[in-house]
N, C-alpha and C. Protein backbone atom coordinates (compact mmCIF):
# COMPACT_ATOMS: atom_id res chain seq x y z
N MET A 1 21.42 -16.40 -9.93
CA MET A 1 21.14 -15.27 -9.06
C MET A 1 22.45 -14.76 -8.45
N ALA A 2 22.59 -13.46 -8.36
CA ALA A 2 23.81 -12.85 -7.82
C ALA A 2 23.90 -13.11 -6.31
N ASP A 3 25.13 -13.02 -5.82
CA ASP A 3 25.33 -13.19 -4.38
C ASP A 3 24.59 -12.11 -3.62
N ARG A 4 24.00 -12.50 -2.50
CA ARG A 4 23.26 -11.56 -1.65
C ARG A 4 24.05 -11.31 -0.38
N TYR A 5 25.13 -10.55 -0.52
CA TYR A 5 25.93 -10.21 0.66
C TYR A 5 25.15 -9.23 1.52
N ILE A 6 25.31 -9.36 2.82
CA ILE A 6 24.60 -8.50 3.75
C ILE A 6 25.42 -8.38 5.04
N THR A 7 25.32 -7.25 5.69
CA THR A 7 26.01 -7.08 6.97
C THR A 7 25.16 -7.69 8.08
N PRO A 8 25.75 -8.01 9.23
CA PRO A 8 24.96 -8.54 10.34
C PRO A 8 23.84 -7.57 10.76
N GLU A 9 24.14 -6.26 10.74
CA GLU A 9 23.12 -5.26 11.10
C GLU A 9 21.98 -5.26 10.09
N GLY A 10 22.31 -5.40 8.81
CA GLY A 10 21.29 -5.43 7.77
C GLY A 10 20.38 -6.64 7.92
N LEU A 11 20.97 -7.79 8.21
CA LEU A 11 20.18 -9.00 8.42
C LEU A 11 19.29 -8.84 9.65
N ALA A 12 19.81 -8.22 10.70
CA ALA A 12 19.02 -8.00 11.92
C ALA A 12 17.83 -7.09 11.63
N ARG A 13 18.02 -6.05 10.80
CA ARG A 13 16.91 -5.16 10.44
C ARG A 13 15.84 -5.90 9.65
N ILE A 14 16.28 -6.76 8.72
CA ILE A 14 15.33 -7.51 7.91
C ILE A 14 14.57 -8.51 8.78
N ARG A 15 15.29 -9.19 9.68
CA ARG A 15 14.63 -10.14 10.58
C ARG A 15 13.63 -9.42 11.49
N SER A 16 13.99 -8.24 11.97
CA SER A 16 13.11 -7.46 12.83
C SER A 16 11.83 -7.07 12.09
N GLU A 17 11.98 -6.64 10.84
CA GLU A 17 10.79 -6.30 10.05
C GLU A 17 9.92 -7.53 9.84
N TYR A 18 10.54 -8.67 9.54
CA TYR A 18 9.81 -9.91 9.34
C TYR A 18 9.03 -10.28 10.60
N ASP A 19 9.71 -10.24 11.75
CA ASP A 19 9.08 -10.60 13.02
C ASP A 19 7.92 -9.66 13.35
N GLU A 20 8.10 -8.36 13.09
CA GLU A 20 7.04 -7.38 13.36
C GLU A 20 5.81 -7.66 12.48
N LEU A 21 6.05 -7.88 11.19
CA LEU A 21 4.94 -8.16 10.29
C LEU A 21 4.24 -9.47 10.64
N PHE A 22 5.03 -10.52 10.87
CA PHE A 22 4.45 -11.84 11.11
C PHE A 22 3.83 -11.98 12.49
N GLY A 23 4.47 -11.41 13.49
CA GLY A 23 4.01 -11.61 14.85
C GLY A 23 3.05 -10.57 15.39
N VAL A 24 3.04 -9.38 14.80
CA VAL A 24 2.21 -8.30 15.34
C VAL A 24 1.17 -7.83 14.34
N GLU A 25 1.64 -7.32 13.20
CA GLU A 25 0.70 -6.68 12.27
C GLU A 25 -0.25 -7.68 11.60
N ARG A 26 0.28 -8.82 11.13
CA ARG A 26 -0.58 -9.78 10.43
C ARG A 26 -1.69 -10.32 11.33
N PRO A 27 -1.39 -10.72 12.58
CA PRO A 27 -2.48 -11.20 13.44
C PRO A 27 -3.57 -10.14 13.68
N LYS A 28 -3.19 -8.88 13.79
CA LYS A 28 -4.18 -7.81 13.97
C LYS A 28 -5.11 -7.72 12.76
N ILE A 29 -4.52 -7.78 11.57
CA ILE A 29 -5.31 -7.68 10.34
C ILE A 29 -6.20 -8.90 10.18
N VAL A 30 -5.69 -10.08 10.51
CA VAL A 30 -6.51 -11.30 10.44
C VAL A 30 -7.72 -11.18 11.36
N GLU A 31 -7.51 -10.62 12.53
CA GLU A 31 -8.61 -10.44 13.48
C GLU A 31 -9.66 -9.48 12.92
N VAL A 32 -9.22 -8.38 12.32
CA VAL A 32 -10.16 -7.41 11.74
C VAL A 32 -10.93 -8.03 10.58
N VAL A 33 -10.24 -8.79 9.72
CA VAL A 33 -10.89 -9.43 8.58
C VAL A 33 -11.91 -10.46 9.07
N SER A 34 -11.57 -11.24 10.09
CA SER A 34 -12.51 -12.23 10.63
C SER A 34 -13.75 -11.55 11.19
N TRP A 35 -13.54 -10.46 11.92
CA TRP A 35 -14.67 -9.72 12.49
C TRP A 35 -15.54 -9.14 11.36
N ALA A 36 -14.90 -8.55 10.34
CA ALA A 36 -15.64 -7.94 9.24
C ALA A 36 -16.40 -9.00 8.44
N ALA A 37 -15.81 -10.18 8.28
CA ALA A 37 -16.47 -11.25 7.54
C ALA A 37 -17.70 -11.75 8.28
N SER A 38 -17.67 -11.68 9.60
CA SER A 38 -18.80 -12.18 10.39
C SER A 38 -20.02 -11.25 10.29
N LEU A 39 -19.82 -10.05 9.78
CA LEU A 39 -20.93 -9.10 9.66
C LEU A 39 -21.85 -9.39 8.48
N GLY A 40 -21.43 -10.26 7.59
CA GLY A 40 -22.30 -10.61 6.47
C GLY A 40 -21.79 -10.09 5.15
N ASP A 41 -22.55 -9.22 4.50
CA ASP A 41 -22.27 -8.74 3.16
C ASP A 41 -20.83 -8.19 3.07
N ARG A 42 -20.02 -8.88 2.29
CA ARG A 42 -18.61 -8.50 2.18
C ARG A 42 -18.34 -7.56 1.01
N SER A 43 -19.26 -7.44 0.09
CA SER A 43 -19.02 -6.67 -1.12
C SER A 43 -18.85 -5.17 -0.85
N GLU A 44 -19.49 -4.67 0.19
CA GLU A 44 -19.39 -3.24 0.50
C GLU A 44 -18.82 -3.01 1.90
N ASN A 45 -18.12 -3.98 2.41
CA ASN A 45 -17.55 -3.91 3.75
C ASN A 45 -16.09 -3.43 3.64
N ALA A 46 -15.86 -2.16 3.94
CA ALA A 46 -14.53 -1.56 3.78
C ALA A 46 -13.48 -2.25 4.65
N ASP A 47 -13.85 -2.60 5.88
CA ASP A 47 -12.88 -3.27 6.76
C ASP A 47 -12.43 -4.60 6.15
N TYR A 48 -13.38 -5.33 5.60
CA TYR A 48 -13.08 -6.62 4.99
C TYR A 48 -12.20 -6.44 3.74
N LEU A 49 -12.62 -5.56 2.85
CA LEU A 49 -11.90 -5.36 1.60
C LEU A 49 -10.49 -4.81 1.84
N TYR A 50 -10.37 -3.81 2.69
CA TYR A 50 -9.06 -3.25 2.99
C TYR A 50 -8.19 -4.29 3.72
N GLY A 51 -8.78 -5.01 4.64
CA GLY A 51 -8.04 -6.03 5.39
C GLY A 51 -7.48 -7.11 4.49
N LYS A 52 -8.29 -7.58 3.54
CA LYS A 52 -7.82 -8.60 2.60
C LYS A 52 -6.69 -8.06 1.74
N LYS A 53 -6.83 -6.81 1.29
CA LYS A 53 -5.78 -6.18 0.49
C LYS A 53 -4.49 -6.06 1.31
N ARG A 54 -4.62 -5.61 2.55
CA ARG A 54 -3.44 -5.44 3.42
C ARG A 54 -2.79 -6.79 3.73
N LEU A 55 -3.60 -7.84 3.89
CA LEU A 55 -3.05 -9.18 4.12
C LEU A 55 -2.21 -9.64 2.93
N ARG A 56 -2.70 -9.38 1.72
CA ARG A 56 -1.93 -9.75 0.52
C ARG A 56 -0.60 -9.00 0.50
N GLU A 57 -0.63 -7.69 0.83
CA GLU A 57 0.60 -6.90 0.86
C GLU A 57 1.59 -7.46 1.89
N ILE A 58 1.08 -7.77 3.08
CA ILE A 58 1.94 -8.30 4.15
C ILE A 58 2.52 -9.65 3.73
N ASP A 59 1.69 -10.52 3.19
CA ASP A 59 2.18 -11.85 2.77
C ASP A 59 3.22 -11.74 1.66
N ARG A 60 3.03 -10.82 0.74
CA ARG A 60 4.00 -10.60 -0.33
C ARG A 60 5.34 -10.12 0.27
N ARG A 61 5.27 -9.18 1.22
CA ARG A 61 6.49 -8.66 1.85
C ARG A 61 7.17 -9.74 2.68
N LEU A 62 6.39 -10.55 3.41
CA LEU A 62 6.97 -11.65 4.19
C LEU A 62 7.70 -12.64 3.28
N SER A 63 7.10 -12.95 2.14
CA SER A 63 7.72 -13.86 1.19
C SER A 63 9.04 -13.28 0.68
N HIS A 64 9.03 -12.00 0.36
CA HIS A 64 10.24 -11.32 -0.13
C HIS A 64 11.34 -11.35 0.94
N LEU A 65 10.99 -10.98 2.17
CA LEU A 65 11.97 -10.97 3.27
C LEU A 65 12.51 -12.36 3.54
N SER A 66 11.64 -13.36 3.45
CA SER A 66 12.06 -14.74 3.67
C SER A 66 13.08 -15.18 2.62
N ARG A 67 12.84 -14.82 1.35
CA ARG A 67 13.79 -15.16 0.29
C ARG A 67 15.14 -14.48 0.53
N ILE A 68 15.11 -13.22 0.97
CA ILE A 68 16.35 -12.51 1.26
C ILE A 68 17.13 -13.22 2.36
N MET A 69 16.43 -13.57 3.45
CA MET A 69 17.11 -14.20 4.58
C MET A 69 17.69 -15.56 4.21
N LYS A 70 17.00 -16.33 3.35
CA LYS A 70 17.50 -17.64 2.95
C LYS A 70 18.73 -17.53 2.07
N ALA A 71 18.77 -16.52 1.21
CA ALA A 71 19.88 -16.38 0.26
C ALA A 71 21.03 -15.54 0.80
N ALA A 72 20.84 -14.91 1.95
CA ALA A 72 21.83 -13.96 2.47
C ALA A 72 23.13 -14.65 2.84
N LYS A 73 24.22 -13.99 2.47
CA LYS A 73 25.56 -14.40 2.88
C LYS A 73 26.08 -13.29 3.78
N VAL A 74 26.08 -13.54 5.08
CA VAL A 74 26.46 -12.52 6.05
C VAL A 74 27.98 -12.32 6.02
N VAL A 75 28.37 -11.05 5.83
CA VAL A 75 29.78 -10.68 5.84
C VAL A 75 29.94 -9.59 6.89
N ASP A 76 30.74 -9.89 7.91
CA ASP A 76 30.95 -8.92 8.98
C ASP A 76 32.14 -8.04 8.64
N PRO A 77 31.89 -6.74 8.39
CA PRO A 77 33.00 -5.84 8.03
C PRO A 77 34.04 -5.70 9.13
N ALA A 78 33.67 -5.98 10.38
CA ALA A 78 34.63 -5.89 11.48
C ALA A 78 35.74 -6.92 11.34
N ASN A 79 35.49 -7.99 10.59
CA ASN A 79 36.49 -9.04 10.39
C ASN A 79 37.38 -8.80 9.18
N GLN A 80 37.23 -7.65 8.52
CA GLN A 80 38.02 -7.34 7.33
C GLN A 80 39.50 -7.22 7.69
N LEU A 81 40.32 -8.01 7.04
CA LEU A 81 41.75 -8.02 7.34
C LEU A 81 42.47 -6.85 6.66
N SER A 82 42.15 -6.59 5.42
CA SER A 82 42.81 -5.53 4.65
C SER A 82 42.04 -4.23 4.83
N ARG A 83 42.37 -3.47 5.86
CA ARG A 83 41.63 -2.25 6.19
C ARG A 83 42.16 -1.01 5.47
N ASP A 84 43.16 -1.18 4.62
CA ASP A 84 43.68 -0.03 3.89
C ASP A 84 43.04 0.12 2.51
N GLN A 85 42.17 -0.82 2.15
CA GLN A 85 41.46 -0.78 0.87
C GLN A 85 39.96 -0.77 1.11
N VAL A 86 39.25 -0.21 0.13
CA VAL A 86 37.79 -0.20 0.21
C VAL A 86 37.28 -1.60 -0.14
N ARG A 87 36.53 -2.18 0.76
CA ARG A 87 35.90 -3.48 0.58
C ARG A 87 34.47 -3.40 1.11
N PHE A 88 33.77 -4.51 1.03
CA PHE A 88 32.40 -4.57 1.54
C PHE A 88 32.37 -4.17 3.01
N GLY A 89 31.46 -3.27 3.36
CA GLY A 89 31.31 -2.84 4.74
C GLY A 89 32.13 -1.62 5.11
N ALA A 90 32.96 -1.15 4.20
CA ALA A 90 33.81 0.01 4.48
C ALA A 90 32.97 1.29 4.50
N THR A 91 33.34 2.20 5.39
CA THR A 91 32.79 3.54 5.37
C THR A 91 33.88 4.42 4.76
N VAL A 92 33.52 5.12 3.69
CA VAL A 92 34.49 5.84 2.88
C VAL A 92 34.12 7.32 2.83
N GLU A 93 35.10 8.16 3.08
CA GLU A 93 34.90 9.59 2.89
C GLU A 93 35.50 9.96 1.54
N LEU A 94 34.69 10.61 0.71
CA LEU A 94 35.10 10.98 -0.64
C LEU A 94 35.10 12.49 -0.79
N ALA A 95 35.95 12.97 -1.66
CA ALA A 95 35.96 14.39 -2.02
C ALA A 95 35.92 14.49 -3.54
N ASP A 96 35.07 15.37 -4.06
CA ASP A 96 35.02 15.56 -5.51
C ASP A 96 35.95 16.70 -5.91
N TYR A 97 35.89 17.09 -7.16
CA TYR A 97 36.78 18.12 -7.71
C TYR A 97 36.66 19.44 -6.97
N ASP A 98 35.44 19.78 -6.50
CA ASP A 98 35.19 21.03 -5.77
C ASP A 98 35.39 20.89 -4.27
N ASP A 99 35.96 19.76 -3.84
CA ASP A 99 36.19 19.44 -2.43
C ASP A 99 34.89 19.31 -1.62
N ASN A 100 33.81 18.93 -2.31
CA ASN A 100 32.57 18.56 -1.61
C ASN A 100 32.77 17.16 -1.06
N ARG A 101 32.48 16.98 0.22
CA ARG A 101 32.74 15.70 0.88
C ARG A 101 31.45 14.90 1.02
N ARG A 102 31.59 13.59 0.90
CA ARG A 102 30.50 12.64 1.10
C ARG A 102 31.04 11.48 1.91
N ILE A 103 30.20 10.94 2.77
CA ILE A 103 30.57 9.74 3.51
C ILE A 103 29.57 8.65 3.13
N LEU A 104 30.10 7.53 2.65
CA LEU A 104 29.28 6.41 2.20
C LEU A 104 29.73 5.13 2.87
N THR A 105 28.79 4.24 3.10
CA THR A 105 29.10 2.90 3.60
C THR A 105 28.63 1.90 2.56
N ILE A 106 29.50 0.98 2.19
CA ILE A 106 29.17 -0.02 1.18
C ILE A 106 28.55 -1.23 1.88
N VAL A 107 27.29 -1.49 1.57
CA VAL A 107 26.53 -2.55 2.23
C VAL A 107 25.89 -3.46 1.18
N GLY A 108 25.12 -4.42 1.63
CA GLY A 108 24.41 -5.32 0.73
C GLY A 108 23.30 -4.58 -0.01
N ASP A 109 22.96 -5.08 -1.19
CA ASP A 109 21.94 -4.44 -2.01
C ASP A 109 20.56 -4.42 -1.35
N ASP A 110 20.31 -5.33 -0.41
CA ASP A 110 19.02 -5.39 0.25
C ASP A 110 18.94 -4.47 1.46
N GLU A 111 20.00 -3.76 1.78
CA GLU A 111 19.99 -2.89 2.95
C GLU A 111 20.40 -1.45 2.60
N THR A 112 20.29 -1.11 1.34
CA THR A 112 20.68 0.24 0.91
C THR A 112 19.71 1.28 1.45
N ASP A 113 20.25 2.45 1.70
CA ASP A 113 19.46 3.60 2.14
C ASP A 113 20.27 4.85 1.81
N ALA A 114 19.97 5.46 0.68
CA ALA A 114 20.76 6.59 0.20
C ALA A 114 20.73 7.76 1.18
N THR A 115 19.61 7.96 1.86
CA THR A 115 19.53 9.08 2.80
C THR A 115 20.45 8.89 4.00
N ALA A 116 20.75 7.63 4.34
CA ALA A 116 21.66 7.34 5.45
C ALA A 116 23.09 7.11 4.96
N GLY A 117 23.32 7.26 3.65
CA GLY A 117 24.66 7.08 3.11
C GLY A 117 25.07 5.64 2.92
N ARG A 118 24.11 4.71 2.87
CA ARG A 118 24.42 3.30 2.65
C ARG A 118 24.10 2.96 1.20
N ILE A 119 25.13 2.55 0.44
CA ILE A 119 24.93 2.19 -0.96
C ILE A 119 25.24 0.72 -1.16
N GLY A 120 24.53 0.09 -2.07
CA GLY A 120 24.72 -1.32 -2.36
C GLY A 120 26.05 -1.58 -3.03
N TRP A 121 26.63 -2.73 -2.74
CA TRP A 121 27.96 -3.08 -3.25
C TRP A 121 27.98 -3.22 -4.76
N SER A 122 26.83 -3.38 -5.41
CA SER A 122 26.81 -3.52 -6.86
C SER A 122 26.48 -2.20 -7.56
N ALA A 123 26.31 -1.11 -6.80
CA ALA A 123 26.06 0.21 -7.40
C ALA A 123 27.32 0.68 -8.14
N PRO A 124 27.15 1.47 -9.20
CA PRO A 124 28.31 1.93 -9.96
C PRO A 124 29.38 2.61 -9.10
N LEU A 125 28.98 3.46 -8.18
CA LEU A 125 29.94 4.15 -7.33
C LEU A 125 30.70 3.16 -6.45
N ALA A 126 29.98 2.21 -5.86
CA ALA A 126 30.62 1.22 -5.00
C ALA A 126 31.58 0.35 -5.80
N ARG A 127 31.17 -0.07 -6.98
CA ARG A 127 32.05 -0.91 -7.82
C ARG A 127 33.32 -0.16 -8.18
N ALA A 128 33.19 1.15 -8.42
CA ALA A 128 34.37 1.95 -8.77
C ALA A 128 35.31 2.09 -7.57
N LEU A 129 34.75 2.10 -6.36
CA LEU A 129 35.56 2.32 -5.16
C LEU A 129 36.24 1.05 -4.64
N ILE A 130 35.68 -0.12 -4.94
CA ILE A 130 36.23 -1.37 -4.42
C ILE A 130 37.70 -1.49 -4.82
N GLY A 131 38.55 -1.70 -3.84
CA GLY A 131 39.98 -1.85 -4.07
C GLY A 131 40.78 -0.57 -3.96
N ALA A 132 40.09 0.57 -3.85
CA ALA A 132 40.79 1.85 -3.76
C ALA A 132 41.43 2.02 -2.40
N LYS A 133 42.49 2.81 -2.36
CA LYS A 133 43.18 3.15 -1.12
C LYS A 133 43.08 4.65 -0.90
N VAL A 134 43.42 5.10 0.29
CA VAL A 134 43.39 6.53 0.60
C VAL A 134 44.30 7.26 -0.39
N GLY A 135 43.79 8.33 -0.97
CA GLY A 135 44.53 9.11 -1.95
C GLY A 135 44.25 8.73 -3.39
N ASP A 136 43.63 7.55 -3.61
CA ASP A 136 43.30 7.13 -4.98
C ASP A 136 42.16 7.97 -5.53
N GLU A 137 42.22 8.21 -6.83
CA GLU A 137 41.14 8.92 -7.51
C GLU A 137 40.41 7.92 -8.38
N ARG A 138 39.11 7.94 -8.31
CA ARG A 138 38.29 7.03 -9.11
C ARG A 138 37.28 7.83 -9.92
N ILE A 139 37.11 7.44 -11.16
CA ILE A 139 36.13 8.08 -12.04
C ILE A 139 34.92 7.16 -12.13
N VAL A 140 33.77 7.74 -11.90
CA VAL A 140 32.52 6.97 -11.89
C VAL A 140 31.64 7.45 -13.03
N ARG A 141 31.10 6.52 -13.79
CA ARG A 141 30.16 6.86 -14.84
C ARG A 141 28.76 6.87 -14.24
N LEU A 142 28.18 8.06 -14.22
CA LEU A 142 26.83 8.26 -13.68
C LEU A 142 25.90 8.66 -14.82
N PRO A 143 24.59 8.59 -14.61
CA PRO A 143 23.65 9.00 -15.67
C PRO A 143 23.88 10.44 -16.15
N VAL A 144 24.38 11.30 -15.28
CA VAL A 144 24.61 12.70 -15.66
C VAL A 144 25.99 12.91 -16.26
N GLY A 145 26.79 11.87 -16.35
CA GLY A 145 28.14 11.97 -16.90
C GLY A 145 29.17 11.40 -15.94
N GLU A 146 30.42 11.59 -16.27
CA GLU A 146 31.49 11.07 -15.42
C GLU A 146 31.79 12.04 -14.29
N LYS A 147 32.12 11.47 -13.14
CA LYS A 147 32.48 12.28 -11.99
C LYS A 147 33.68 11.65 -11.32
N SER A 148 34.59 12.49 -10.86
CA SER A 148 35.83 12.02 -10.24
C SER A 148 35.75 12.21 -8.73
N TYR A 149 36.17 11.18 -8.00
CA TYR A 149 36.20 11.22 -6.54
C TYR A 149 37.58 10.80 -6.04
N GLU A 150 38.03 11.44 -4.98
CA GLU A 150 39.26 11.04 -4.31
C GLU A 150 38.88 10.40 -2.97
N VAL A 151 39.51 9.28 -2.66
CA VAL A 151 39.26 8.60 -1.39
C VAL A 151 40.08 9.34 -0.31
N VAL A 152 39.37 9.91 0.68
CA VAL A 152 40.00 10.70 1.73
C VAL A 152 40.27 9.84 2.96
N GLU A 153 39.31 8.96 3.30
CA GLU A 153 39.45 8.14 4.50
C GLU A 153 38.65 6.85 4.33
N ILE A 154 39.18 5.78 4.91
CA ILE A 154 38.52 4.47 4.88
C ILE A 154 38.47 3.97 6.33
N THR A 155 37.27 3.61 6.80
CA THR A 155 37.14 3.04 8.14
C THR A 155 36.26 1.80 8.10
N TYR A 156 36.48 0.95 9.08
CA TYR A 156 35.68 -0.26 9.26
C TYR A 156 35.22 -0.30 10.70
N PRO A 157 34.07 -0.92 10.97
CA PRO A 157 33.63 -1.06 12.36
C PRO A 157 34.59 -1.96 13.12
N ASP A 158 34.68 -1.73 14.43
CA ASP A 158 35.56 -2.56 15.27
C ASP A 158 34.87 -3.81 15.76
């Protein structure tokens, strides 16, 4: 299995989701299922059937989150010594050939969120950027073809 690098913030988000599911949502669903089961005929009891289905979904998600937390290797980007190169946890401003700018943060694969500009460290773009310095140009092979990016700025959290 590949390394599961994660930022402290990413691990906190995963732990928060786990705690919410385990401590709040699951007990509510268990209560509804118990109440619905006490009514008798379960074959046409929507509360019972939906509750059991939702419990399976929650338990599956809890198991997944638990595996992530056990395998996680927390890497704090604030402790990065070499701040002039793109490494795990770096926030990078890129410019393409048309000077369109993008800001991306390289995070663990379990905490990616493209809409927030967080890409996993094993994504093609992130792999191409690792080791780059300001002013370097990197060519990335994407499904739509190759695209060239210039590294404009590299920052790390303090």
